[in-house]
Amino acid sequence: MSLHAAFYNPKNKELACMNLKDTVTYQFKKDYVIRNSDTLTVTIDSIHIFSKENLAINRIDAIELTLNKSLNHQKLFINKNNSAEFYVTQ
């Protein structure tokens, strides 16, 4: 694994962001999001995953979250920068 990685489990709607020192997990529920042990009261209408790799291993490069109507369907786009090593080994 590189220094930073993000994995998404579509079955559990769970995102894990990892680095050498820490792991942060997000669990997307119907009316809220759990970040590690904190609860965020926000409703996500849709989740779109972006990956340059095989999605079978669940490793992702970006995620787009569309918030619900009460938040004007705003979109959050979160991405990671790939290292030069990623492009060399492709």
PDB file of N, CA and C in Angstrom:
ATOM      1  N   MET A   1       0.842  -1.177   0.000  1.00  0.00           N
ATOM      2  CA  MET A   1       0.000   0.000   0.000  1.00  0.00           C
ATOM      3  C   MET A   1       0.888   1.242   0.000  1.00  0.00           C
ATOM      4  N   SER A   2       0.463   2.254  -0.734  1.00  0.00           N
ATOM      5  CA  SER A   2       1.215   3.510  -0.763  1.00  0.00           C
ATOM      6  C   SER A   2       1.017   4.262   0.557  1.00  0.00           C
ATOM      7  N   LEU A   3       1.586   5.451   0.639  1.00  0.00           N
ATOM      8  CA  LEU A   3       1.497   6.238   1.864  1.00  0.00           C
ATOM      9  C   LEU A   3       0.062   6.619   2.218  1.00  0.00           C
ATOM     10  N   HIS A   4      -0.785   6.795   1.210  1.00  0.00           N
ATOM     11  CA  HIS A   4      -2.174   7.174   1.414  1.00  0.00           C
ATOM     12  C   HIS A   4      -3.048   6.287   0.539  1.00  0.00           C
ATOM     13  N   ALA A   5      -4.176   5.853   1.083  1.00  0.00           N
ATOM     14  CA  ALA A   5      -5.089   5.032   0.299  1.00  0.00           C
ATOM     15  C   ALA A   5      -6.504   5.235   0.803  1.00  0.00           C
ATOM     16  N   ALA A   6      -7.452   5.062  -0.096  1.00  0.00           N
ATOM     17  CA  ALA A   6      -8.866   5.148   0.259  1.00  0.00           C
ATOM     18  C   ALA A   6      -9.563   3.927  -0.311  1.00  0.00           C
ATOM     19  N   PHE A   7     -10.374   3.293   0.514  1.00  0.00           N
ATOM     20  CA  PHE A   7     -11.110   2.093   0.114  1.00  0.00           C
ATOM     21  C   PHE A   7     -12.584   2.310   0.402  1.00  0.00           C
ATOM     22  N   TYR A   8     -13.430   1.867  -0.527  1.00  0.00           N
ATOM     23  CA  TYR A   8     -14.877   1.988  -0.341  1.00  0.00           C
ATOM     24  C   TYR A   8     -15.511   0.609  -0.423  1.00  0.00           C
ATOM     25  N   ASN A   9     -16.312   0.287   0.574  1.00  0.00           N
ATOM     26  CA  ASN A   9     -17.054  -0.970   0.610  1.00  0.00           C
ATOM     27  C   ASN A   9     -18.509  -0.649   0.297  1.00  0.00           C
ATOM     28  N   PRO A  10     -18.962  -0.934  -0.933  1.00  0.00           N
ATOM     29  CA  PRO A  10     -20.324  -0.565  -1.313  1.00  0.00           C
ATOM     30  C   PRO A  10     -21.403  -1.340  -0.543  1.00  0.00           C
ATOM     31  N   LYS A  11     -21.102  -2.546  -0.139  1.00  0.00           N
ATOM     32  CA  LYS A  11     -22.084  -3.346   0.605  1.00  0.00           C
ATOM     33  C   LYS A  11     -22.442  -2.681   1.935  1.00  0.00           C
ATOM     34  N   ASN A  12     -21.426  -2.181   2.645  1.00  0.00           N
ATOM     35  CA  ASN A  12     -21.636  -1.534   3.945  1.00  0.00           C
ATOM     36  C   ASN A  12     -21.702  -0.016   3.852  1.00  0.00           C
ATOM     37  N   LYS A  13     -21.537   0.529   2.634  1.00  0.00           N
ATOM     38  CA  LYS A  13     -21.464   1.978   2.431  1.00  0.00           C
ATOM     39  C   LYS A  13     -20.466   2.595   3.402  1.00  0.00           C
ATOM     40  N   GLU A  14     -19.249   2.077   3.365  1.00  0.00           N
ATOM     41  CA  GLU A  14     -18.204   2.517   4.283  1.00  0.00           C
ATOM     42  C   GLU A  14     -16.955   2.922   3.505  1.00  0.00           C
ATOM     43  N   LEU A  15     -16.419   4.084   3.853  1.00  0.00           N
ATOM     44  CA  LEU A  15     -15.203   4.607   3.255  1.00  0.00           C
ATOM     45  C   LEU A  15     -14.111   4.589   4.314  1.00  0.00           C
ATOM     46  N   ALA A  16     -12.947   4.049   3.983  1.00  0.00           N
ATOM     47  CA  ALA A  16     -11.794   4.040   4.889  1.00  0.00           C
ATOM     48  C   ALA A  16     -10.661   4.796   4.215  1.00  0.00           C
ATOM     49  N   CYS A  17     -10.192   5.843   4.883  1.00  0.00           N
ATOM     50  CA  CYS A  17      -9.062   6.643   4.397  1.00  0.00           C
ATOM     51  C   CYS A  17      -7.878   6.351   5.297  1.00  0.00           C
ATOM     52  N   MET A  18      -6.805   5.841   4.705  1.00  0.00           N
ATOM     53  CA  MET A  18      -5.667   5.378   5.495  1.00  0.00           C
ATOM     54  C   MET A  18      -4.382   6.089   5.107  1.00  0.00           C
ATOM     55  N   ASN A  19      -3.530   6.289   6.111  1.00  0.00           N
ATOM     56  CA  ASN A  19      -2.162   6.713   5.876  1.00  0.00           C
ATOM     57  C   ASN A  19      -1.288   5.965   6.875  1.00  0.00           C
ATOM     58  N   LEU A  20      -0.020   6.289   6.922  1.00  0.00           N
ATOM     59  CA  LEU A  20       0.883   5.530   7.789  1.00  0.00           C
ATOM     60  C   LEU A  20       0.581   5.708   9.277  1.00  0.00           C
ATOM     61  N   LYS A  21      -0.050   6.795   9.660  1.00  0.00           N
ATOM     62  CA  LYS A  21      -0.298   7.084  11.070  1.00  0.00           C
ATOM     63  C   LYS A  21      -1.730   6.862  11.529  1.00  0.00           C
ATOM     64  N   ASP A  22      -2.682   6.880  10.616  1.00  0.00           N
ATOM     65  CA  ASP A  22      -4.078   6.945  11.041  1.00  0.00           C
ATOM     66  C   ASP A  22      -5.000   6.331   9.997  1.00  0.00           C
ATOM     67  N   THR A  23      -6.181   5.937  10.447  1.00  0.00           N
ATOM     68  CA  THR A  23      -7.266   5.513   9.563  1.00  0.00           C
ATOM     69  C   THR A  23      -8.530   6.231  10.003  1.00  0.00           C
ATOM     70  N   VAL A  24      -9.208   6.838   9.041  1.00  0.00           N
ATOM     71  CA  VAL A  24     -10.479   7.493   9.311  1.00  0.00           C
ATOM     72  C   VAL A  24     -11.539   6.742   8.519  1.00  0.00           C
ATOM     73  N   THR A  25     -12.613   6.337   9.190  1.00  0.00           N
ATOM     74  CA  THR A  25     -13.692   5.628   8.505  1.00  0.00           C
ATOM     75  C   THR A  25     -14.952   6.480   8.497  1.00  0.00           C
ATOM     76  N   TYR A  26     -15.691   6.356   7.410  1.00  0.00           N
ATOM     77  CA  TYR A  26     -16.974   7.032   7.249  1.00  0.00           C
ATOM     78  C   TYR A  26     -18.006   5.960   6.920  1.00  0.00           C
ATOM     79  N   GLN A  27     -19.091   5.931   7.659  1.00  0.00           N
ATOM     80  CA  GLN A  27     -20.196   5.022   7.383  1.00  0.00           C
ATOM     81  C   GLN A  27     -21.394   5.875   6.977  1.00  0.00           C
ATOM     82  N   PHE A  28     -21.890   5.639   5.766  1.00  0.00           N
ATOM     83  CA  PHE A  28     -22.994   6.426   5.235  1.00  0.00           C
ATOM     84  C   PHE A  28     -24.311   5.717   5.532  1.00  0.00           C
ATOM     85  N   LYS A  29     -25.090   6.297   6.428  1.00  0.00           N
ATOM     86  CA  LYS A  29     -26.398   5.763   6.810  1.00  0.00           C
ATOM     87  C   LYS A  29     -27.478   6.596   6.131  1.00  0.00           C
ATOM     88  N   LYS A  30     -28.747   6.205   6.322  1.00  0.00           N
ATOM     89  CA  LYS A  30     -29.855   6.881   5.639  1.00  0.00           C
ATOM     90  C   LYS A  30     -29.909   8.379   5.946  1.00  0.00           C
ATOM     91  N   ASP A  31     -29.859   8.758   7.214  1.00  0.00           N
ATOM     92  CA  ASP A  31     -30.022  10.165   7.592  1.00  0.00           C
ATOM     93  C   ASP A  31     -28.825  10.766   8.314  1.00  0.00           C
ATOM     94  N   TYR A  32     -27.701  10.072   8.284  1.00  0.00           N
ATOM     95  CA  TYR A  32     -26.519  10.581   8.972  1.00  0.00           C
ATOM     96  C   TYR A  32     -25.267   9.868   8.466  1.00  0.00           C
ATOM     97  N   VAL A  33     -24.124  10.435   8.840  1.00  0.00           N
ATOM     98  CA  VAL A  33     -22.824   9.862   8.498  1.00  0.00           C
ATOM     99  C   VAL A  33     -22.053   9.715   9.802  1.00  0.00           C
ATOM    100  N   ILE A  34     -21.417   8.565   9.982  1.00  0.00           N
ATOM    101  CA  ILE A  34     -20.576   8.358  11.148  1.00  0.00           C
ATOM    102  C   ILE A  34     -19.119   8.474  10.700  1.00  0.00           C
ATOM    103  N   ARG A  35     -18.398   9.405  11.319  1.00  0.00           N
ATOM    104  CA  ARG A  35     -16.972   9.587  11.045  1.00  0.00           C
ATOM    105  C   ARG A  35     -16.229   9.102  12.285  1.00  0.00           C
ATOM    106  N   ASN A  36     -15.568   7.953  12.169  1.00  0.00           N
ATOM    107  CA  ASN A  36     -14.979   7.256  13.313  1.00  0.00           C
ATOM    108  C   ASN A  36     -16.075   7.067  14.362  1.00  0.00           C
ATOM    109  N   SER A  37     -16.092   7.869  15.418  1.00  0.00           N
ATOM    110  CA  SER A  37     -17.159   7.723  16.416  1.00  0.00           C
ATOM    111  C   SER A  37     -18.054   8.960  16.502  1.00  0.00           C
ATOM    112  N   ASP A  38     -17.859   9.924  15.599  1.00  0.00           N
ATOM    113  CA  ASP A  38     -18.676  11.138  15.575  1.00  0.00           C
ATOM    114  C   ASP A  38     -19.821  10.979  14.583  1.00  0.00           C
ATOM    115  N   THR A  39     -20.986  11.511  14.938  1.00  0.00           N
ATOM    116  CA  THR A  39     -22.151  11.449  14.059  1.00  0.00           C
ATOM    117  C   THR A  39     -22.385  12.811  13.428  1.00  0.00           C
ATOM    118  N   LEU A  40     -22.509  12.816  12.102  1.00  0.00           N
ATOM    119  CA  LEU A  40     -22.808  14.029  11.350  1.00  0.00           C
ATOM    120  C   LEU A  40     -24.229  13.907  10.820  1.00  0.00           C
ATOM    121  N   THR A  41     -25.089  14.850  11.178  1.00  0.00           N
ATOM    122  CA  THR A  41     -26.478  14.792  10.742  1.00  0.00           C
ATOM    123  C   THR A  41     -26.584  15.394   9.342  1.00  0.00           C
ATOM    124  N   VAL A  42     -26.490  14.547   8.362  1.00  0.00           N
ATOM    125  CA  VAL A  42     -26.588  14.965   6.964  1.00  0.00           C
ATOM    126  C   VAL A  42     -27.101  13.762   6.168  1.00  0.00           C
ATOM    127  N   THR A  43     -27.969  14.035   5.225  1.00  0.00           N
ATOM    128  CA  THR A  43     -28.514  12.973   4.382  1.00  0.00           C
ATOM    129  C   THR A  43     -27.835  13.006   3.021  1.00  0.00           C
ATOM    130  N   ILE A  44     -27.297  11.882   2.620  1.00  0.00           N
ATOM    131  CA  ILE A  44     -26.622  11.733   1.326  1.00  0.00           C
ATOM    132  C   ILE A  44     -27.605  11.084   0.360  1.00  0.00           C
ATOM    133  N   ASP A  45     -27.906  11.784  -0.743  1.00  0.00           N
ATOM    134  CA  ASP A  45     -28.808  11.212  -1.756  1.00  0.00           C
ATOM    135  C   ASP A  45     -28.106  10.188  -2.640  1.00  0.00           C
ATOM    136  N   SER A  46     -26.853  10.471  -2.999  1.00  0.00           N
ATOM    137  CA  SER A  46     -26.148   9.525  -3.864  1.00  0.00           C
ATOM    138  C   SER A  46     -24.649   9.578  -3.612  1.00  0.00           C
ATOM    139  N   ILE A  47     -24.020   8.450  -3.911  1.00  0.00           N
ATOM    140  CA  ILE A  47     -22.570   8.301  -3.779  1.00  0.00           C
ATOM    141  C   ILE A  47     -22.048   7.798  -5.120  1.00  0.00           C
ATOM    142  N   HIS A  48     -21.075   8.515  -5.666  1.00  0.00           N
ATOM    143  CA  HIS A  48     -20.467   8.095  -6.934  1.00  0.00           C
ATOM    144  C   HIS A  48     -18.975   7.898  -6.698  1.00  0.00           C
ATOM    145  N   ILE A  49     -18.476   6.740  -7.088  1.00  0.00           N
ATOM    146  CA  ILE A  49     -17.083   6.358  -6.857  1.00  0.00           C
ATOM    147  C   ILE A  49     -16.277   6.506  -8.156  1.00  0.00           C
ATOM    148  N   PHE A  50     -15.052   7.015  -8.028  1.00  0.00           N
ATOM    149  CA  PHE A  50     -14.130   7.128  -9.160  1.00  0.00           C
ATOM    150  C   PHE A  50     -12.875   6.337  -8.826  1.00  0.00           C
ATOM    151  N   SER A  51     -12.433   5.506  -9.763  1.00  0.00           N
ATOM    152  CA  SER A  51     -11.244   4.696  -9.531  1.00  0.00           C
ATOM    153  C   SER A  51     -10.504   4.460 -10.833  1.00  0.00           C
ATOM    154  N   LYS A  52      -9.179   4.592 -10.778  1.00  0.00           N
ATOM    155  CA  LYS A  52      -8.340   4.280 -11.932  1.00  0.00           C
ATOM    156  C   LYS A  52      -7.906   2.819 -11.908  1.00  0.00           C
ATOM    157  N   GLU A  53      -8.218   2.149 -10.802  1.00  0.00           N
ATOM    158  CA  GLU A  53      -7.856   0.739 -10.644  1.00  0.00           C
ATOM    159  C   GLU A  53      -9.103  -0.123 -10.747  1.00  0.00           C
ATOM    160  N   ASN A  54      -8.920  -1.402 -10.621  1.00  0.00           N
ATOM    161  CA  ASN A  54     -10.011  -2.357 -10.631  1.00  0.00           C
ATOM    162  C   ASN A  54     -10.861  -2.158  -9.375  1.00  0.00           C
ATOM    163  N   LEU A  55     -12.134  -1.861  -9.537  1.00  0.00           N
ATOM    164  CA  LEU A  55     -13.005  -1.629  -8.378  1.00  0.00           C
ATOM    165  C   LEU A  55     -13.231  -2.889  -7.553  1.00  0.00           C
ATOM    166  N   ALA A  56     -12.831  -4.045  -8.063  1.00  0.00           N
ATOM    167  CA  ALA A  56     -13.005  -5.282  -7.294  1.00  0.00           C
ATOM    168  C   ALA A  56     -12.216  -5.236  -5.991  1.00  0.00           C
ATOM    169  N   ILE A  57     -11.115  -4.464  -5.959  1.00  0.00           N
ATOM    170  CA  ILE A  57     -10.342  -4.359  -4.719  1.00  0.00           C
ATOM    171  C   ILE A  57     -10.803  -3.173  -3.871  1.00  0.00           C
ATOM    172  N   ASN A  58     -11.794  -2.426  -4.356  1.00  0.00           N
ATOM    173  CA  ASN A  58     -12.435  -1.339  -3.617  1.00  0.00           C
ATOM    174  C   ASN A  58     -11.545  -0.123  -3.372  1.00  0.00           C
ATOM    175  N   ARG A  59     -10.380  -0.059  -3.992  1.00  0.00           N
ATOM    176  CA  ARG A  59      -9.501   1.104  -3.819  1.00  0.00           C
ATOM    177  C   ARG A  59      -9.999   2.213  -4.736  1.00  0.00           C
ATOM    178  N   ILE A  60     -10.150   3.409  -4.184  1.00  0.00           N
ATOM    179  CA  ILE A  60     -10.727   4.490  -4.972  1.00  0.00           C
ATOM    180  C   ILE A  60      -9.787   5.686  -5.038  1.00  0.00           C
ATOM    181  N   ASP A  61     -10.047   6.559  -6.021  1.00  0.00           N
ATOM    182  CA  ASP A  61      -9.286   7.792  -6.185  1.00  0.00           C
ATOM    183  C   ASP A  61     -10.105   9.012  -5.779  1.00  0.00           C
ATOM    184  N   ALA A  62     -11.433   8.900  -5.898  1.00  0.00           N
ATOM    185  CA  ALA A  62     -12.294  10.035  -5.554  1.00  0.00           C
ATOM    186  C   ALA A  62     -13.695   9.532  -5.261  1.00  0.00           C
ATOM    187  N   ILE A  63     -14.436  10.381  -4.558  1.00  0.00           N
ATOM    188  CA  ILE A  63     -15.826  10.069  -4.248  1.00  0.00           C
ATOM    189  C   ILE A  63     -16.623  11.368  -4.359  1.00  0.00           C
ATOM    190  N   GLU A  64     -17.812  11.280  -4.945  1.00  0.00           N
ATOM    191  CA  GLU A  64     -18.695  12.435  -5.038  1.00  0.00           C
ATOM    192  C   GLU A  64     -19.963  12.128  -4.254  1.00  0.00           C
ATOM    193  N   LEU A  65     -20.291  12.989  -3.311  1.00  0.00           N
ATOM    194  CA  LEU A  65     -21.487  12.828  -2.489  1.00  0.00           C
ATOM    195  C   LEU A  65     -22.475  13.917  -2.874  1.00  0.00           C
ATOM    196  N   THR A  66     -23.704  13.525  -3.172  1.00  0.00           N
ATOM    197  CA  THR A  66     -24.762  14.491  -3.445  1.00  0.00           C
ATOM    198  C   THR A  66     -25.643  14.555  -2.215  1.00  0.00           C
ATOM    199  N   LEU A  67     -25.733  15.752  -1.643  1.00  0.00           N
ATOM    200  CA  LEU A  67     -26.523  15.938  -0.431  1.00  0.00           C
ATOM    201  C   LEU A  67     -28.006  16.030  -0.776  1.00  0.00           C
ATOM    202  N   ASN A  68     -28.857  15.947   0.236  1.00  0.00           N
ATOM    203  CA  ASN A  68     -30.296  15.894  -0.015  1.00  0.00           C
ATOM    204  C   ASN A  68     -30.882  17.270  -0.337  1.00  0.00           C
ATOM    205  N   LYS A  69     -32.182  17.266  -0.593  1.00  0.00           N
ATOM    206  CA  LYS A  69     -32.911  18.464  -1.014  1.00  0.00           C
ATOM    207  C   LYS A  69     -32.776  19.606  -0.008  1.00  0.00           C
ATOM    208  N   SER A  70     -32.810  19.296   1.298  1.00  0.00           N
ATOM    209  CA  SER A  70     -32.736  20.360   2.310  1.00  0.00           C
ATOM    210  C   SER A  70     -31.394  21.091   2.273  1.00  0.00           C
ATOM    211  N   LEU A  71     -30.400  20.489   1.644  1.00  0.00           N
ATOM    212  CA  LEU A  71     -29.087  21.125   1.461  1.00  0.00           C
ATOM    213  C   LEU A  71     -28.860  21.489  -0.004  1.00  0.00           C
ATOM    214  N   ASN A  72     -29.971  21.709  -0.723  1.00  0.00           N
ATOM    215  CA  ASN A  72     -29.960  22.155  -2.131  1.00  0.00           C
ATOM    216  C   ASN A  72     -29.206  21.218  -3.061  1.00  0.00           C
ATOM    217  N   HIS A  73     -29.180  19.938  -2.747  1.00  0.00           N
ATOM    218  CA  HIS A  73     -28.519  18.930  -3.585  1.00  0.00           C
ATOM    219  C   HIS A  73     -27.064  19.293  -3.891  1.00  0.00           C
ATOM    220  N   GLN A  74     -26.422  19.953  -2.946  1.00  0.00           N
ATOM    221  CA  GLN A  74     -25.013  20.302  -3.133  1.00  0.00           C
ATOM    222  C   GLN A  74     -24.185  19.037  -3.311  1.00  0.00           C
ATOM    223  N   LYS A  75     -23.096  19.171  -4.048  1.00  0.00           N
ATOM    224  CA  LYS A  75     -22.196  18.035  -4.283  1.00  0.00           C
ATOM    225  C   LYS A  75     -20.871  18.289  -3.595  1.00  0.00           C
ATOM    226  N   LEU A  76     -20.364  17.242  -2.951  1.00  0.00           N
ATOM    227  CA  LEU A  76     -19.035  17.272  -2.355  1.00  0.00           C
ATOM    228  C   LEU A  76     -18.170  16.316  -3.155  1.00  0.00           C
ATOM    229  N   PHE A  77     -17.054  16.806  -3.647  1.00  0.00           N
ATOM    230  CA  PHE A  77     -16.139  15.967  -4.416  1.00  0.00           C
ATOM    231  C   PHE A  77     -14.828  15.900  -3.653  1.00  0.00           C
ATOM    232  N   ILE A  78     -14.442  14.706  -3.249  1.00  0.00           N
ATOM    233  CA  ILE A  78     -13.225  14.501  -2.475  1.00  0.00           C
ATOM    234  C   ILE A  78     -12.312  13.594  -3.294  1.00  0.00           C
ATOM    235  N   ASN A  79     -11.069  14.029  -3.504  1.00  0.00           N
ATOM    236  CA  ASN A  79     -10.148  13.204  -4.288  1.00  0.00           C
ATOM    237  C   ASN A  79      -8.774  13.174  -3.634  1.00  0.00           C
ATOM    238  N   LYS A  80      -7.972  12.229  -4.076  1.00  0.00           N
ATOM    239  CA  LYS A  80      -6.605  12.119  -3.594  1.00  0.00           C
ATOM    240  C   LYS A  80      -5.667  12.285  -4.785  1.00  0.00           C
ATOM    241  N   ASN A  81      -4.472  12.755  -4.504  1.00  0.00           N
ATOM    242  CA  ASN A  81      -3.451  12.857  -5.546  1.00  0.00           C
ATOM    243  C   ASN A  81      -2.701  11.541  -5.611  1.00  0.00           C
ATOM    244  N   ASN A  82      -2.505  11.060  -6.815  1.00  0.00           N
ATOM    245  CA  ASN A  82      -1.717   9.842  -6.994  1.00  0.00           C
ATOM    246  C   ASN A  82      -0.237  10.198  -7.077  1.00  0.00           C
ATOM    247  N   SER A  83       0.585   9.327  -6.529  1.00  0.00           N
ATOM    248  CA  SER A  83       2.030   9.541  -6.570  1.00  0.00           C
ATOM    249  C   SER A  83       2.569   9.167  -7.948  1.00  0.00           C
ATOM    250  N   ALA A  84       3.787   9.574  -8.213  1.00  0.00           N
ATOM    251  CA  ALA A  84       4.444   9.210  -9.462  1.00  0.00           C
ATOM    252  C   ALA A  84       4.569   7.682  -9.572  1.00  0.00           C
ATOM    253  N   GLU A  85       4.757   7.020  -8.424  1.00  0.00           N
ATOM    254  CA  GLU A  85       4.860   5.554  -8.403  1.00  0.00           C
ATOM    255  C   GLU A  85       3.614   4.913  -9.012  1.00  0.00           C
ATOM    256  N   PHE A  86       2.445   5.467  -8.732  1.00  0.00           N
ATOM    257  CA  PHE A  86       1.193   4.912  -9.276  1.00  0.00           C
ATOM    258  C   PHE A  86       1.235   4.913 -10.803  1.00  0.00           C
ATOM    259  N   TYR A  87       1.652   6.025 -11.384  1.00  0.00           N
ATOM    260  CA  TYR A  87       1.645   6.146 -12.840  1.00  0.00           C
ATOM    261  C   TYR A  87       2.747   5.301 -13.498  1.00  0.00           C
ATOM    262  N   VAL A  88       3.871   5.145 -12.835  1.00  0.00           N
ATOM    263  CA  VAL A  88       4.965   4.341 -13.366  1.00  0.00           C
ATOM    264  C   VAL A  88       4.605   2.861 -13.376  1.00  0.00           C
ATOM    265  N   THR A  89       3.875   2.408 -12.374  1.00  0.00           N
ATOM    266  CA  THR A  89       3.561   0.984 -12.266  1.00  0.00           C
ATOM    267  C   THR A  89       2.286   0.588 -12.995  1.00  0.00           C
ATOM    268  N   GLN A  90       1.635   1.510 -13.649  1.00  0.00           N
ATOM    269  CA  GLN A  90       0.414   1.188 -14.393  1.00  0.00           C
ATOM    270  C   GLN A  90       0.714   0.527 -15.709  1.00  0.00           C
TER     271      GLN A  90
END
